[in-house]
Amino acid sequence: MSSVLDEALDRAFGHPRGLLGRIGAALMAHGNAATERHVVDVAKPAADETVLVLGPGPGVGLAEAAARARLAVGVDPSEEMLQLCRERCAAAVREGTVELRAGTAAATGQQGESVDVVLSVNNVQLWDDREAAFAELFRVLRPGGRLVLSAHEKWLPVPRHDLAGELEAAGFGDLQTWVWDPPGLAATRAAQLRAWRRA
């Protein structure tokens, strides 16, 4: 029974595909929207910066980042989610301010020191290898760049202070962690972290 449930959750949220993937995308677009916007506010991307959005899902946070930055790059392992991003961000894709590619947190396809901001909302719990992912994110950030990560606190793979320790072990500094309560009666508390690649 557990394996059936795991497969259904993976189809809806982990690697969205098919009908469950479309249902998961609708739930993510609605349920994560406030957190996506909040994370972009925390990161404060500037008009001359490049933002890497990990697991953009249906593209709410990607669109928000693209409205502020020079370039927003969405990396997702699900082709169906990338297609939803293409639809949501169609004008930005045409204008060249949004790029999309298949990939993961551990294999973004980005060149080293090529982005100023990395954003991740509600997907760290799905990463197969956090150590490899944090090493990759450190690699692609320019010196002085920052990472902002948010996840449902109840679904974190480890306590948020342990995640901060993992980021520190990967070379990040100036770490901050806190909790944030999204608006809405059904919203669940988010654990959030901000870390910098020192200049």
C-alpha atoms as a PDB file:
ATOM      1  CA  MET A   1       0.000   0.000   0.000  1.00  0.00           C
ATOM      2  CA  SER A   2       2.818   2.359   0.893  1.00  0.00           C
ATOM      3  CA  SER A   3       4.484   1.857  -2.505  1.00  0.00           C
ATOM      4  CA  VAL A   4       1.192   2.683  -4.286  1.00  0.00           C
ATOM      5  CA  LEU A   5       0.849   5.881  -2.266  1.00  0.00           C
ATOM      6  CA  ASP A   6       4.502   6.766  -2.867  1.00  0.00           C
ATOM      7  CA  GLU A   7       4.025   6.292  -6.612  1.00  0.00           C
ATOM      8  CA  ALA A   8       0.878   8.459  -6.608  1.00  0.00           C
ATOM      9  CA  LEU A   9       2.649  11.236  -4.675  1.00  0.00           C
ATOM     10  CA  ASP A  10       5.619  11.062  -7.031  1.00  0.00           C
ATOM     11  CA  ARG A  11       3.294  11.350 -10.051  1.00  0.00           C
ATOM     12  CA  ALA A  12       1.506  14.335  -8.488  1.00  0.00           C
ATOM     13  CA  PHE A  13       4.387  16.227  -6.877  1.00  0.00           C
ATOM     14  CA  GLY A  14       7.799  14.557  -7.145  1.00  0.00           C
ATOM     15  CA  HIS A  15       8.078  14.050 -10.909  1.00  0.00           C
ATOM     16  CA  PRO A  16       4.637  15.266 -12.032  1.00  0.00           C
ATOM     17  CA  ARG A  17       3.139  13.487 -15.019  1.00  0.00           C
ATOM     18  CA  GLY A  18      -0.217  12.466 -16.398  1.00  0.00           C
ATOM     19  CA  LEU A  19      -3.534  13.271 -14.743  1.00  0.00           C
ATOM     20  CA  LEU A  20      -2.052  13.231 -11.229  1.00  0.00           C
ATOM     21  CA  GLY A  21       0.668  15.603 -12.404  1.00  0.00           C
ATOM     22  CA  ARG A  22      -1.906  18.068 -13.722  1.00  0.00           C
ATOM     23  CA  ILE A  23      -3.851  17.847 -10.454  1.00  0.00           C
ATOM     24  CA  GLY A  24      -0.620  18.341  -8.508  1.00  0.00           C
ATOM     25  CA  ALA A  25       0.258  21.359 -10.655  1.00  0.00           C
ATOM     26  CA  ALA A  26      -3.106  22.991  -9.945  1.00  0.00           C
ATOM     27  CA  LEU A  27      -2.667  22.382  -6.230  1.00  0.00           C
ATOM     28  CA  MET A  28       0.878  23.778  -6.328  1.00  0.00           C
ATOM     29  CA  ALA A  29      -0.138  26.862  -8.291  1.00  0.00           C
ATOM     30  CA  HIS A  30      -2.816  27.654  -5.733  1.00  0.00           C
ATOM     31  CA  GLY A  31      -1.252  26.413  -2.514  1.00  0.00           C
ATOM     32  CA  ASN A  32       2.320  27.609  -3.060  1.00  0.00           C
ATOM     33  CA  ALA A  33       1.624  30.990  -4.685  1.00  0.00           C
ATOM     34  CA  ALA A  34       1.954  33.111  -1.547  1.00  0.00           C
ATOM     35  CA  THR A  35       5.158  31.339  -0.513  1.00  0.00           C
ATOM     36  CA  GLU A  36       6.617  31.622  -4.021  1.00  0.00           C
ATOM     37  CA  ARG A  37       6.022  35.390  -3.989  1.00  0.00           C
ATOM     38  CA  HIS A  38       7.339  35.708  -0.443  1.00  0.00           C
ATOM     39  CA  VAL A  39      10.573  33.886  -1.323  1.00  0.00           C
ATOM     40  CA  VAL A  40      11.143  36.207  -4.287  1.00  0.00           C
ATOM     41  CA  ASP A  41      10.554  39.177  -1.950  1.00  0.00           C
ATOM     42  CA  VAL A  42      13.116  37.769   0.510  1.00  0.00           C
ATOM     43  CA  ALA A  43      15.685  37.212  -2.264  1.00  0.00           C
ATOM     44  CA  LYS A  44      15.157  40.688  -3.751  1.00  0.00           C
ATOM     45  CA  PRO A  45      16.487  39.955  -7.233  1.00  0.00           C
ATOM     46  CA  ALA A  46      17.740  43.092  -8.984  1.00  0.00           C
ATOM     47  CA  ALA A  47      17.041  44.084 -12.576  1.00  0.00           C
ATOM     48  CA  ASP A  48      20.575  43.129 -13.674  1.00  0.00           C
ATOM     49  CA  GLU A  49      20.649  39.711 -11.953  1.00  0.00           C
ATOM     50  CA  THR A  50      20.125  36.111 -13.068  1.00  0.00           C
ATOM     51  CA  VAL A  51      17.848  33.909 -10.944  1.00  0.00           C
ATOM     52  CA  LEU A  52      17.844  30.106 -10.944  1.00  0.00           C
ATOM     53  CA  VAL A  53      14.487  28.638  -9.863  1.00  0.00           C
ATOM     54  CA  LEU A  54      14.666  24.977  -8.845  1.00  0.00           C
ATOM     55  CA  GLY A  55      11.555  22.904  -9.438  1.00  0.00           C
ATOM     56  CA  PRO A  56       9.393  25.828 -10.602  1.00  0.00           C
ATOM     57  CA  GLY A  57       6.381  23.542 -10.970  1.00  0.00           C
ATOM     58  CA  PRO A  58       3.634  25.463 -12.787  1.00  0.00           C
ATOM     59  CA  GLY A  59       5.776  28.615 -12.847  1.00  0.00           C
ATOM     60  CA  VAL A  60       4.245  31.036 -10.325  1.00  0.00           C
ATOM     61  CA  GLY A  61       7.550  31.898  -8.636  1.00  0.00           C
ATOM     62  CA  LEU A  62       9.396  31.774 -11.954  1.00  0.00           C
ATOM     63  CA  ALA A  63       7.074  34.436 -13.380  1.00  0.00           C
ATOM     64  CA  GLU A  64       7.523  36.558 -10.254  1.00  0.00           C
ATOM     65  CA  ALA A  65      11.319  36.314 -10.483  1.00  0.00           C
ATOM     66  CA  ALA A  66      11.261  37.073 -14.217  1.00  0.00           C
ATOM     67  CA  ALA A  67       9.314  40.268 -13.566  1.00  0.00           C
ATOM     68  CA  ARG A  68      12.202  41.571 -11.430  1.00  0.00           C
ATOM     69  CA  ALA A  69      15.398  40.046 -12.805  1.00  0.00           C
ATOM     70  CA  ARG A  70      17.324  40.244 -16.078  1.00  0.00           C
ATOM     71  CA  LEU A  71      16.919  36.485 -16.561  1.00  0.00           C
ATOM     72  CA  ALA A  72      15.064  33.716 -14.725  1.00  0.00           C
ATOM     73  CA  VAL A  73      16.090  30.117 -15.425  1.00  0.00           C
ATOM     74  CA  GLY A  74      13.701  27.331 -14.443  1.00  0.00           C
ATOM     75  CA  VAL A  75      15.097  23.823 -13.938  1.00  0.00           C
ATOM     76  CA  ASP A  76      12.672  20.952 -13.381  1.00  0.00           C
ATOM     77  CA  PRO A  77      12.883  17.179 -13.908  1.00  0.00           C
ATOM     78  CA  SER A  78       9.287  17.090 -15.186  1.00  0.00           C
ATOM     79  CA  GLU A  79       8.635  17.934 -18.827  1.00  0.00           C
ATOM     80  CA  GLU A  80       4.975  18.487 -17.978  1.00  0.00           C
ATOM     81  CA  MET A  81       5.885  21.166 -15.415  1.00  0.00           C
ATOM     82  CA  LEU A  82       8.263  22.788 -17.879  1.00  0.00           C
ATOM     83  CA  GLN A  83       5.403  22.942 -20.383  1.00  0.00           C
ATOM     84  CA  LEU A  84       3.172  24.647 -17.798  1.00  0.00           C
ATOM     85  CA  CYS A  85       5.988  27.140 -17.183  1.00  0.00           C
ATOM     86  CA  ARG A  86       6.211  27.782 -20.940  1.00  0.00           C
ATOM     87  CA  GLU A  87       2.501  28.538 -20.988  1.00  0.00           C
ATOM     88  CA  ARG A  88       2.498  30.756 -17.883  1.00  0.00           C
ATOM     89  CA  CYS A  89       5.656  32.631 -18.924  1.00  0.00           C
ATOM     90  CA  ALA A  90       5.051  32.580 -22.701  1.00  0.00           C
ATOM     91  CA  ALA A  91       5.810  36.280 -23.259  1.00  0.00           C
ATOM     92  CA  ALA A  92       8.946  36.159 -21.117  1.00  0.00           C
ATOM     93  CA  VAL A  93      10.154  33.042 -22.957  1.00  0.00           C
ATOM     94  CA  ARG A  94       9.669  34.850 -26.283  1.00  0.00           C
ATOM     95  CA  GLU A  95      11.510  37.916 -24.951  1.00  0.00           C
ATOM     96  CA  GLY A  96      14.387  35.785 -23.668  1.00  0.00           C
ATOM     97  CA  THR A  97      13.944  36.725 -20.002  1.00  0.00           C
ATOM     98  CA  VAL A  98      12.908  33.164 -19.061  1.00  0.00           C
ATOM     99  CA  GLU A  99      14.831  30.028 -19.970  1.00  0.00           C
ATOM    100  CA  LEU A 100      13.664  26.498 -19.160  1.00  0.00           C
ATOM    101  CA  ARG A 101      15.552  23.232 -19.028  1.00  0.00           C
ATOM    102  CA  ALA A 102      15.253  19.708 -17.715  1.00  0.00           C
ATOM    103  CA  GLY A 103      17.469  19.112 -14.705  1.00  0.00           C
ATOM    104  CA  THR A 104      17.666  18.714 -10.959  1.00  0.00           C
ATOM    105  CA  ALA A 105      19.142  20.554  -8.001  1.00  0.00           C
ATOM    106  CA  ALA A 106      22.227  18.343  -8.284  1.00  0.00           C
ATOM    107  CA  ALA A 107      22.529  18.781 -12.071  1.00  0.00           C
ATOM    108  CA  THR A 108      21.249  22.211 -13.088  1.00  0.00           C
ATOM    109  CA  GLY A 109      23.075  22.503 -16.409  1.00  0.00           C
ATOM    110  CA  GLN A 110      24.275  25.984 -15.404  1.00  0.00           C
ATOM    111  CA  GLN A 111      27.827  27.151 -15.882  1.00  0.00           C
ATOM    112  CA  GLY A 112      29.884  27.844 -12.775  1.00  0.00           C
ATOM    113  CA  GLU A 113      29.408  31.230 -11.122  1.00  0.00           C
ATOM    114  CA  SER A 114      26.621  32.132 -13.573  1.00  0.00           C
ATOM    115  CA  VAL A 115      23.683  33.059 -11.316  1.00  0.00           C
ATOM    116  CA  ASP A 116      23.128  35.652  -8.601  1.00  0.00           C
ATOM    117  CA  VAL A 117      20.139  34.086  -6.852  1.00  0.00           C
ATOM    118  CA  VAL A 118      18.907  30.506  -6.348  1.00  0.00           C
ATOM    119  CA  LEU A 119      15.299  29.917  -5.244  1.00  0.00           C
ATOM    120  CA  SER A 120      13.742  26.660  -4.046  1.00  0.00           C
ATOM    121  CA  VAL A 121      10.168  26.294  -2.787  1.00  0.00           C
ATOM    122  CA  ASN A 122       8.781  23.008  -1.460  1.00  0.00           C
ATOM    123  CA  ASN A 123      11.134  20.655  -3.234  1.00  0.00           C
ATOM    124  CA  VAL A 124      14.200  20.086  -1.023  1.00  0.00           C
ATOM    125  CA  GLN A 125      12.428  17.043   0.447  1.00  0.00           C
ATOM    126  CA  LEU A 126      12.412  15.489  -3.046  1.00  0.00           C
ATOM    127  CA  TRP A 127      16.143  15.812  -3.732  1.00  0.00           C
ATOM    128  CA  ASP A 128      17.895  12.458  -3.996  1.00  0.00           C
ATOM    129  CA  ASP A 129      21.262  13.759  -2.766  1.00  0.00           C
ATOM    130  CA  ARG A 130      21.248  17.029  -0.795  1.00  0.00           C
ATOM    131  CA  GLU A 131      25.026  17.062  -0.412  1.00  0.00           C
ATOM    132  CA  ALA A 132      25.466  16.937  -4.196  1.00  0.00           C
ATOM    133  CA  ALA A 133      22.686  19.502  -4.672  1.00  0.00           C
ATOM    134  CA  PHE A 134      24.154  22.021  -2.235  1.00  0.00           C
ATOM    135  CA  ALA A 135      27.591  21.569  -3.831  1.00  0.00           C
ATOM    136  CA  GLU A 136      26.027  22.236  -7.252  1.00  0.00           C
ATOM    137  CA  LEU A 137      24.206  25.335  -6.035  1.00  0.00           C
ATOM    138  CA  PHE A 138      27.380  26.688  -4.462  1.00  0.00           C
ATOM    139  CA  ARG A 139      29.174  26.048  -7.775  1.00  0.00           C
ATOM    140  CA  VAL A 140      26.675  27.929  -9.949  1.00  0.00           C
ATOM    141  CA  LEU A 141      26.318  30.961  -7.648  1.00  0.00           C
ATOM    142  CA  ARG A 142      28.541  33.929  -8.249  1.00  0.00           C
ATOM    143  CA  PRO A 143      30.581  35.128  -5.254  1.00  0.00           C
ATOM    144  CA  GLY A 144      28.202  37.319  -3.269  1.00  0.00           C
ATOM    145  CA  GLY A 145      25.188  35.407  -4.590  1.00  0.00           C
ATOM    146  CA  ARG A 146      22.434  34.075  -2.347  1.00  0.00           C
ATOM    147  CA  LEU A 147      20.189  31.075  -1.990  1.00  0.00           C
ATOM    148  CA  VAL A 148      16.688  31.260  -0.494  1.00  0.00           C
ATOM    149  CA  LEU A 149      15.032  27.950   0.314  1.00  0.00           C
ATOM    150  CA  SER A 150      11.538  27.335   1.679  1.00  0.00           C
ATOM    151  CA  ALA A 151       9.735  24.086   2.470  1.00  0.00           C
ATOM    152  CA  HIS A 152       6.729  22.946   4.464  1.00  0.00           C
ATOM    153  CA  GLU A 153       8.224  22.536   7.924  1.00  0.00           C
ATOM    154  CA  LYS A 154       6.394  19.254   8.508  1.00  0.00           C
ATOM    155  CA  TRP A 155       7.866  17.753   5.327  1.00  0.00           C
ATOM    156  CA  LEU A 156      11.478  18.744   5.852  1.00  0.00           C
ATOM    157  CA  PRO A 157      13.860  15.803   5.468  1.00  0.00           C
ATOM    158  CA  VAL A 158      15.789  17.058   8.530  1.00  0.00           C
ATOM    159  CA  PRO A 159      15.210  19.963  10.959  1.00  0.00           C
ATOM    160  CA  ARG A 160      15.896  23.364   9.398  1.00  0.00           C
ATOM    161  CA  HIS A 161      18.943  23.963  11.610  1.00  0.00           C
ATOM    162  CA  ASP A 162      20.432  20.718  10.261  1.00  0.00           C
ATOM    163  CA  LEU A 163      19.777  21.938   6.714  1.00  0.00           C
ATOM    164  CA  ALA A 164      21.633  25.125   7.634  1.00  0.00           C
ATOM    165  CA  GLY A 165      24.532  22.973   8.814  1.00  0.00           C
ATOM    166  CA  GLU A 166      24.542  21.119   5.491  1.00  0.00           C
ATOM    167  CA  LEU A 167      24.672  24.439   3.628  1.00  0.00           C
ATOM    168  CA  GLU A 168      27.547  25.567   5.809  1.00  0.00           C
ATOM    169  CA  ALA A 169      29.398  22.312   5.079  1.00  0.00           C
ATOM    170  CA  ALA A 170      28.940  23.038   1.346  1.00  0.00           C
ATOM    171  CA  GLY A 171      30.725  26.384   1.786  1.00  0.00           C
ATOM    172  CA  PHE A 172      27.819  28.786   2.288  1.00  0.00           C
ATOM    173  CA  GLY A 173      28.034  31.508   4.903  1.00  0.00           C
ATOM    174  CA  ASP A 174      25.931  34.168   6.656  1.00  0.00           C
ATOM    175  CA  LEU A 175      23.137  31.639   7.168  1.00  0.00           C
ATOM    176  CA  GLN A 176      19.760  32.661   8.501  1.00  0.00           C
ATOM    177  CA  THR A 177      16.787  30.426   9.190  1.00  0.00           C
ATOM    178  CA  TRP A 178      13.262  31.213  10.361  1.00  0.00           C
ATOM    179  CA  VAL A 179       9.651  30.052  10.017  1.00  0.00           C
ATOM    180  CA  TRP A 180       6.915  31.806   8.077  1.00  0.00           C
ATOM    181  CA  ASP A 181       3.159  31.278   8.172  1.00  0.00           C
ATOM    182  CA  PRO A 182       1.613  31.729   4.717  1.00  0.00           C
ATOM    183  CA  PRO A 183      -1.831  33.349   4.586  1.00  0.00           C
ATOM    184  CA  GLY A 184      -4.876  31.098   4.420  1.00  0.00           C
ATOM    185  CA  LEU A 185      -6.557  28.694   6.808  1.00  0.00           C
ATOM    186  CA  ALA A 186      -5.193  25.577   5.094  1.00  0.00           C
ATOM    187  CA  ALA A 187      -1.634  26.898   4.707  1.00  0.00           C
ATOM    188  CA  THR A 188       1.092  25.092   6.614  1.00  0.00           C
ATOM    189  CA  ARG A 189       4.078  26.691   8.294  1.00  0.00           C
ATOM    190  CA  ALA A 190       7.152  27.083   6.100  1.00  0.00           C
ATOM    191  CA  ALA A 191      10.750  26.668   7.225  1.00  0.00           C
ATOM    192  CA  GLN A 192      12.970  29.083   5.338  1.00  0.00           C
ATOM    193  CA  LEU A 193      16.701  29.584   4.944  1.00  0.00           C
ATOM    194  CA  ARG A 194      18.890  32.211   3.343  1.00  0.00           C
ATOM    195  CA  ALA A 195      22.583  31.621   2.687  1.00  0.00           C
ATOM    196  CA  TRP A 196      25.300  33.451   0.779  1.00  0.00           C
ATOM    197  CA  ARG A 197      28.279  32.435  -1.254  1.00  0.00           C
ATOM    198  CA  ARG A 198      30.802  34.792   0.269  1.00  0.00           C
ATOM    199  CA  ALA A 199      32.364  37.317  -2.095  1.00  0.00           C
END
